Amino acid sequence: MVKQLRPAVFMLVILTLITGIIYPLVVTGIAQVLFPSQANGSLLGDNAQPLGSALVGQANNDSRYFWPRPSATGYGTLPSGGSNLGPTSAALAELVGQRATAFRIANGLATDASVPVEMLFASASGLDPHISPEAARMQVARVAAARGLDVSRVAVLVEEHVEGPQLGFLGQPRVNVLLLNMTLDRLQ
């Protein structure tokens, strides 16, 4: 038995060193050299005071800012994930109805106006930083009025922040809410 135990322990130590220490250090080093921003969380803002990450949505219901899509986890990164509410859930139907009403009222829309789906449902991670261009356009008048800006100027900012599909064909056009809000803050 000792004859078998010695090589097993040796392999455990060697593989632990390779896969638990050497490999992570090499991959981290490569990432820091080739992709420093992404390797450090894609933080936005200045070095002394980061405002957030381009990859993580943030809670915001201030009328001076564009609103992100809702989060099932309160935008917490540790408990990230969707809700357990299914399509037949009465609680989900009520929540979606409340979100639709609040969005319509806040943005001065008609009571029967269509609300973009991402403003009603949380993403699978609960942390999605993007909304559709349509959802951003629906918020332009509210944001412009709250900031005392010309509606056309805010509309142009939205269009400047529309990102196309990834690699030109994956996904839909989208707007990063934090990037757009940071641009608004720089205007004033």
C-alpha atoms as a PDB file:
ATOM      1  CA  MET A   1       0.000   0.000   0.000  1.00  0.00           C
ATOM      2  CA  VAL A   2       2.845   2.430   0.832  1.00  0.00           C
ATOM      3  CA  LYS A   3       4.245   1.602  -2.574  1.00  0.00           C
ATOM      4  CA  GLN A   4       1.061   2.944  -4.192  1.00  0.00           C
ATOM      5  CA  LEU A   5       0.567   5.833  -1.789  1.00  0.00           C
ATOM      6  CA  ARG A   6       3.949   7.470  -2.411  1.00  0.00           C
ATOM      7  CA  PRO A   7       3.421   7.999  -6.215  1.00  0.00           C
ATOM      8  CA  ALA A   8      -0.168   9.123  -5.604  1.00  0.00           C
ATOM      9  CA  VAL A   9       0.901  11.793  -3.104  1.00  0.00           C
ATOM     10  CA  PHE A  10       3.769  12.820  -5.396  1.00  0.00           C
ATOM     11  CA  MET A  11       1.356  13.237  -8.347  1.00  0.00           C
ATOM     12  CA  LEU A  12      -1.078  15.152  -6.141  1.00  0.00           C
ATOM     13  CA  VAL A  13       1.649  17.606  -5.139  1.00  0.00           C
ATOM     14  CA  ILE A  14       2.958  17.985  -8.712  1.00  0.00           C
ATOM     15  CA  LEU A  15      -0.495  18.462 -10.254  1.00  0.00           C
ATOM     16  CA  THR A  16      -1.494  20.869  -7.494  1.00  0.00           C
ATOM     17  CA  LEU A  17       1.581  22.975  -8.243  1.00  0.00           C
ATOM     18  CA  ILE A  18       0.947  22.895 -11.994  1.00  0.00           C
ATOM     19  CA  THR A  19      -2.821  23.405 -12.049  1.00  0.00           C
ATOM     20  CA  GLY A  20      -3.243  25.356  -8.820  1.00  0.00           C
ATOM     21  CA  ILE A  21      -0.253  27.707  -8.911  1.00  0.00           C
ATOM     22  CA  ILE A  22       1.780  27.733 -12.120  1.00  0.00           C
ATOM     23  CA  TYR A  23      -1.081  27.648 -14.635  1.00  0.00           C
ATOM     24  CA  PRO A  24      -3.163  30.396 -12.924  1.00  0.00           C
ATOM     25  CA  LEU A  25      -0.090  32.639 -12.616  1.00  0.00           C
ATOM     26  CA  VAL A  26       0.805  32.170 -16.299  1.00  0.00           C
ATOM     27  CA  VAL A  27      -2.764  32.823 -17.493  1.00  0.00           C
ATOM     28  CA  THR A  28      -3.087  35.868 -15.224  1.00  0.00           C
ATOM     29  CA  GLY A  29       0.236  37.230 -16.469  1.00  0.00           C
ATOM     30  CA  ILE A  30      -0.768  36.776 -20.109  1.00  0.00           C
ATOM     31  CA  ALA A  31      -4.134  38.412 -19.461  1.00  0.00           C
ATOM     32  CA  GLN A  32      -2.504  41.381 -17.699  1.00  0.00           C
ATOM     33  CA  VAL A  33      -0.173  41.919 -20.668  1.00  0.00           C
ATOM     34  CA  LEU A  34      -2.616  41.332 -23.533  1.00  0.00           C
ATOM     35  CA  PHE A  35      -5.924  42.475 -22.011  1.00  0.00           C
ATOM     36  CA  PRO A  36      -5.179  44.686 -18.974  1.00  0.00           C
ATOM     37  CA  SER A  37      -8.571  46.420 -18.835  1.00  0.00           C
ATOM     38  CA  GLN A  38     -10.580  43.225 -19.115  1.00  0.00           C
ATOM     39  CA  ALA A  39      -8.294  41.349 -16.705  1.00  0.00           C
ATOM     40  CA  ASN A  40      -8.980  44.013 -14.084  1.00  0.00           C
ATOM     41  CA  GLY A  41     -12.753  43.994 -14.434  1.00  0.00           C
ATOM     42  CA  SER A  42     -13.290  46.561 -17.230  1.00  0.00           C
ATOM     43  CA  LEU A  43     -13.556  49.304 -14.615  1.00  0.00           C
ATOM     44  CA  LEU A  44     -14.779  52.723 -15.712  1.00  0.00           C
ATOM     45  CA  GLY A  45     -13.951  56.058 -14.124  1.00  0.00           C
ATOM     46  CA  ASP A  46     -10.604  57.273 -12.939  1.00  0.00           C
ATOM     47  CA  ASN A  47      -8.033  55.161 -11.123  1.00  0.00           C
ATOM     48  CA  ALA A  48      -8.699  56.847  -7.786  1.00  0.00           C
ATOM     49  CA  GLN A  49     -12.479  56.383  -7.962  1.00  0.00           C
ATOM     50  CA  PRO A  50     -13.899  53.719 -10.287  1.00  0.00           C
ATOM     51  CA  LEU A  51     -17.589  54.269 -11.012  1.00  0.00           C
ATOM     52  CA  GLY A  52     -18.371  50.731 -12.063  1.00  0.00           C
ATOM     53  CA  SER A  53     -17.664  48.059 -14.609  1.00  0.00           C
ATOM     54  CA  ALA A  54     -18.658  48.087 -18.258  1.00  0.00           C
ATOM     55  CA  LEU A  55     -19.646  44.448 -17.753  1.00  0.00           C
ATOM     56  CA  VAL A  56     -21.969  44.765 -14.751  1.00  0.00           C
ATOM     57  CA  GLY A  57     -25.274  46.612 -14.532  1.00  0.00           C
ATOM     58  CA  GLN A  58     -25.912  49.012 -11.674  1.00  0.00           C
ATOM     59  CA  ALA A  59     -29.078  50.007  -9.878  1.00  0.00           C
ATOM     60  CA  ASN A  60     -30.273  53.466 -10.779  1.00  0.00           C
ATOM     61  CA  ASN A  61     -33.720  55.019 -10.616  1.00  0.00           C
ATOM     62  CA  ASP A  62     -32.633  58.675 -10.701  1.00  0.00           C
ATOM     63  CA  SER A  63     -34.609  60.494 -13.396  1.00  0.00           C
ATOM     64  CA  ARG A  64     -31.407  62.261 -14.548  1.00  0.00           C
ATOM     65  CA  TYR A  65     -29.988  58.944 -15.744  1.00  0.00           C
ATOM     66  CA  PHE A  66     -30.933  56.214 -18.155  1.00  0.00           C
ATOM     67  CA  TRP A  67     -32.276  53.235 -16.285  1.00  0.00           C
ATOM     68  CA  PRO A  68     -30.853  49.733 -16.660  1.00  0.00           C
ATOM     69  CA  ARG A  69     -32.870  46.588 -16.960  1.00  0.00           C
ATOM     70  CA  PRO A  70     -34.192  45.198 -13.673  1.00  0.00           C
ATOM     71  CA  SER A  71     -32.177  42.724 -11.626  1.00  0.00           C
ATOM     72  CA  ALA A  72     -33.566  39.712  -9.807  1.00  0.00           C
ATOM     73  CA  THR A  73     -30.679  39.954  -7.324  1.00  0.00           C
ATOM     74  CA  GLY A  74     -30.554  43.687  -6.654  1.00  0.00           C
ATOM     75  CA  TYR A  75     -27.436  43.926  -8.878  1.00  0.00           C
ATOM     76  CA  GLY A  76     -25.416  41.952  -6.353  1.00  0.00           C
ATOM     77  CA  THR A  77     -22.511  40.137  -7.952  1.00  0.00           C
ATOM     78  CA  LEU A  78     -22.242  37.303  -5.443  1.00  0.00           C
ATOM     79  CA  PRO A  79     -25.843  36.102  -5.623  1.00  0.00           C
ATOM     80  CA  SER A  80     -26.084  36.813  -9.362  1.00  0.00           C
ATOM     81  CA  GLY A  81     -28.722  34.917 -11.258  1.00  0.00           C
ATOM     82  CA  GLY A  82     -32.264  35.094 -12.462  1.00  0.00           C
ATOM     83  CA  SER A  83     -35.369  34.623 -10.422  1.00  0.00           C
ATOM     84  CA  ASN A  84     -37.158  31.314 -10.028  1.00  0.00           C
ATOM     85  CA  LEU A  85     -40.381  32.837 -11.317  1.00  0.00           C
ATOM     86  CA  GLY A  86     -41.658  30.946 -14.353  1.00  0.00           C
ATOM     87  CA  PRO A  87     -43.894  32.052 -17.211  1.00  0.00           C
ATOM     88  CA  THR A  88     -47.052  30.901 -15.419  1.00  0.00           C
ATOM     89  CA  SER A  89     -46.151  32.686 -12.166  1.00  0.00           C
ATOM     90  CA  ALA A  90     -48.752  35.165 -10.942  1.00  0.00           C
ATOM     91  CA  ALA A  91     -46.020  36.959  -8.974  1.00  0.00           C
ATOM     92  CA  LEU A  92     -43.989  37.446 -12.171  1.00  0.00           C
ATOM     93  CA  ALA A  93     -47.046  38.734 -14.046  1.00  0.00           C
ATOM     94  CA  GLU A  94     -47.733  41.238 -11.268  1.00  0.00           C
ATOM     95  CA  LEU A  95     -44.080  42.335 -11.140  1.00  0.00           C
ATOM     96  CA  VAL A  96     -43.947  42.822 -14.909  1.00  0.00           C
ATOM     97  CA  GLY A  97     -47.180  44.823 -14.792  1.00  0.00           C
ATOM     98  CA  GLN A  98     -45.756  47.083 -12.060  1.00  0.00           C
ATOM     99  CA  ARG A  99     -42.525  47.599 -14.003  1.00  0.00           C
ATOM    100  CA  ALA A 100     -44.418  48.418 -17.203  1.00  0.00           C
ATOM    101  CA  THR A 101     -46.649  50.942 -15.434  1.00  0.00           C
ATOM    102  CA  ALA A 102     -43.711  52.583 -13.664  1.00  0.00           C
ATOM    103  CA  PHE A 103     -41.719  52.813 -16.922  1.00  0.00           C
ATOM    104  CA  ARG A 104     -44.653  54.318 -18.825  1.00  0.00           C
ATOM    105  CA  ILE A 105     -45.395  56.880 -16.104  1.00  0.00           C
ATOM    106  CA  ALA A 106     -41.755  57.904 -15.616  1.00  0.00           C
ATOM    107  CA  ASN A 107     -41.193  58.357 -19.341  1.00  0.00           C
ATOM    108  CA  GLY A 108     -44.528  60.006 -20.170  1.00  0.00           C
ATOM    109  CA  LEU A 109     -45.742  57.167 -22.369  1.00  0.00           C
ATOM    110  CA  ALA A 110     -49.334  56.258 -23.136  1.00  0.00           C
ATOM    111  CA  THR A 111     -50.894  53.673 -20.832  1.00  0.00           C
ATOM    112  CA  ASP A 112     -51.020  51.183 -23.698  1.00  0.00           C
ATOM    113  CA  ALA A 113     -47.525  51.936 -25.050  1.00  0.00           C
ATOM    114  CA  SER A 114     -45.335  48.919 -25.665  1.00  0.00           C
ATOM    115  CA  VAL A 115     -42.429  48.673 -23.221  1.00  0.00           C
ATOM    116  CA  PRO A 116     -39.230  46.921 -24.336  1.00  0.00           C
ATOM    117  CA  VAL A 117     -38.991  43.468 -22.824  1.00  0.00           C
ATOM    118  CA  GLU A 118     -35.624  44.095 -21.147  1.00  0.00           C
ATOM    119  CA  MET A 119     -37.178  46.860 -19.059  1.00  0.00           C
ATOM    120  CA  LEU A 120     -39.705  44.342 -17.726  1.00  0.00           C
ATOM    121  CA  PHE A 121     -37.670  41.179 -17.126  1.00  0.00           C
ATOM    122  CA  ALA A 122     -34.338  40.681 -15.397  1.00  0.00           C
ATOM    123  CA  SER A 123     -31.528  39.083 -17.369  1.00  0.00           C
ATOM    124  CA  ALA A 124     -30.396  35.542 -16.602  1.00  0.00           C
ATOM    125  CA  SER A 125     -27.452  36.852 -14.579  1.00  0.00           C
ATOM    126  CA  GLY A 126     -29.319  39.814 -13.123  1.00  0.00           C
ATOM    127  CA  LEU A 127     -26.290  41.952 -14.017  1.00  0.00           C
ATOM    128  CA  ASP A 128     -26.716  42.790 -17.705  1.00  0.00           C
ATOM    129  CA  PRO A 129     -25.261  46.289 -18.324  1.00  0.00           C
ATOM    130  CA  HIS A 130     -27.040  46.800 -21.654  1.00  0.00           C
ATOM    131  CA  ILE A 131     -30.475  47.843 -22.835  1.00  0.00           C
ATOM    132  CA  SER A 132     -31.819  47.997 -26.366  1.00  0.00           C
ATOM    133  CA  PRO A 133     -31.539  51.224 -28.363  1.00  0.00           C
ATOM    134  CA  GLU A 134     -35.339  51.345 -28.315  1.00  0.00           C
ATOM    135  CA  ALA A 135     -35.416  51.284 -24.492  1.00  0.00           C
ATOM    136  CA  ALA A 136     -32.804  54.058 -24.368  1.00  0.00           C
ATOM    137  CA  ARG A 137     -34.719  56.171 -26.922  1.00  0.00           C
ATOM    138  CA  MET A 138     -37.881  55.885 -24.822  1.00  0.00           C
ATOM    139  CA  GLN A 139     -36.019  57.451 -21.883  1.00  0.00           C
ATOM    140  CA  VAL A 140     -34.526  60.407 -23.795  1.00  0.00           C
ATOM    141  CA  ALA A 141     -37.278  62.942 -23.020  1.00  0.00           C
ATOM    142  CA  ARG A 142     -37.236  62.160 -19.276  1.00  0.00           C
ATOM    143  CA  VAL A 143     -33.452  62.389 -18.989  1.00  0.00           C
ATOM    144  CA  ALA A 144     -33.288  65.580 -21.069  1.00  0.00           C
ATOM    145  CA  ALA A 145     -36.000  67.263 -18.979  1.00  0.00           C
ATOM    146  CA  ALA A 146     -34.415  66.215 -15.673  1.00  0.00           C
ATOM    147  CA  ARG A 147     -31.027  67.582 -16.763  1.00  0.00           C
ATOM    148  CA  GLY A 148     -32.311  70.677 -18.554  1.00  0.00           C
ATOM    149  CA  LEU A 149     -30.758  69.507 -21.830  1.00  0.00           C
ATOM    150  CA  ASP A 150     -32.085  69.693 -25.360  1.00  0.00           C
ATOM    151  CA  VAL A 151     -33.900  66.470 -26.287  1.00  0.00           C
ATOM    152  CA  SER A 152     -32.097  66.275 -29.630  1.00  0.00           C
ATOM    153  CA  ARG A 153     -28.689  66.456 -27.907  1.00  0.00           C
ATOM    154  CA  VAL A 154     -29.558  63.558 -25.607  1.00  0.00           C
ATOM    155  CA  ALA A 155     -30.986  61.606 -28.557  1.00  0.00           C
ATOM    156  CA  VAL A 156     -27.701  62.063 -30.430  1.00  0.00           C
ATOM    157  CA  LEU A 157     -25.801  60.747 -27.392  1.00  0.00           C
ATOM    158  CA  VAL A 158     -27.952  57.628 -27.375  1.00  0.00           C
ATOM    159  CA  GLU A 159     -27.257  57.004 -31.053  1.00  0.00           C
ATOM    160  CA  GLU A 160     -23.521  57.514 -30.485  1.00  0.00           C
ATOM    161  CA  HIS A 161     -23.600  54.836 -27.779  1.00  0.00           C
ATOM    162  CA  VAL A 162     -25.393  52.159 -29.792  1.00  0.00           C
ATOM    163  CA  GLU A 163     -23.059  49.180 -30.089  1.00  0.00           C
ATOM    164  CA  GLY A 164     -23.590  46.777 -32.952  1.00  0.00           C
ATOM    165  CA  PRO A 165     -23.801  43.010 -32.612  1.00  0.00           C
ATOM    166  CA  GLN A 166     -20.625  41.373 -31.314  1.00  0.00           C
ATOM    167  CA  LEU A 167     -18.319  40.379 -34.170  1.00  0.00           C
ATOM    168  CA  GLY A 168     -20.890  41.956 -36.487  1.00  0.00           C
ATOM    169  CA  PHE A 169     -23.401  39.116 -36.260  1.00  0.00           C
ATOM    170  CA  LEU A 170     -23.808  37.891 -32.656  1.00  0.00           C
ATOM    171  CA  GLY A 171     -26.733  39.352 -30.763  1.00  0.00           C
ATOM    172  CA  GLN A 172     -28.613  42.586 -31.208  1.00  0.00           C
ATOM    173  CA  PRO A 173     -27.604  46.251 -31.139  1.00  0.00           C
ATOM    174  CA  ARG A 174     -27.369  47.476 -27.554  1.00  0.00           C
ATOM    175  CA  VAL A 175     -26.506  50.457 -25.367  1.00  0.00           C
ATOM    176  CA  ASN A 176     -24.239  50.240 -22.324  1.00  0.00           C
ATOM    177  CA  VAL A 177     -26.165  52.209 -19.695  1.00  0.00           C
ATOM    178  CA  LEU A 178     -23.167  53.097 -17.502  1.00  0.00           C
ATOM    179  CA  LEU A 179     -21.122  54.416 -20.451  1.00  0.00           C
ATOM    180  CA  LEU A 180     -24.079  56.527 -21.611  1.00  0.00           C
ATOM    181  CA  ASN A 181     -24.695  57.903 -18.113  1.00  0.00           C
ATOM    182  CA  MET A 182     -21.012  58.749 -17.671  1.00  0.00           C
ATOM    183  CA  THR A 183     -21.099  60.701 -20.935  1.00  0.00           C
ATOM    184  CA  LEU A 184     -24.130  62.619 -19.667  1.00  0.00           C
ATOM    185  CA  ASP A 185     -22.287  63.505 -16.466  1.00  0.00           C
ATOM    186  CA  ARG A 186     -19.318  64.813 -18.472  1.00  0.00           C
ATOM    187  CA  LEU A 187     -21.660  67.168 -20.350  1.00  0.00           C
ATOM    188  CA  GLN A 188     -22.557  69.029 -17.177  1.00  0.00           C
END
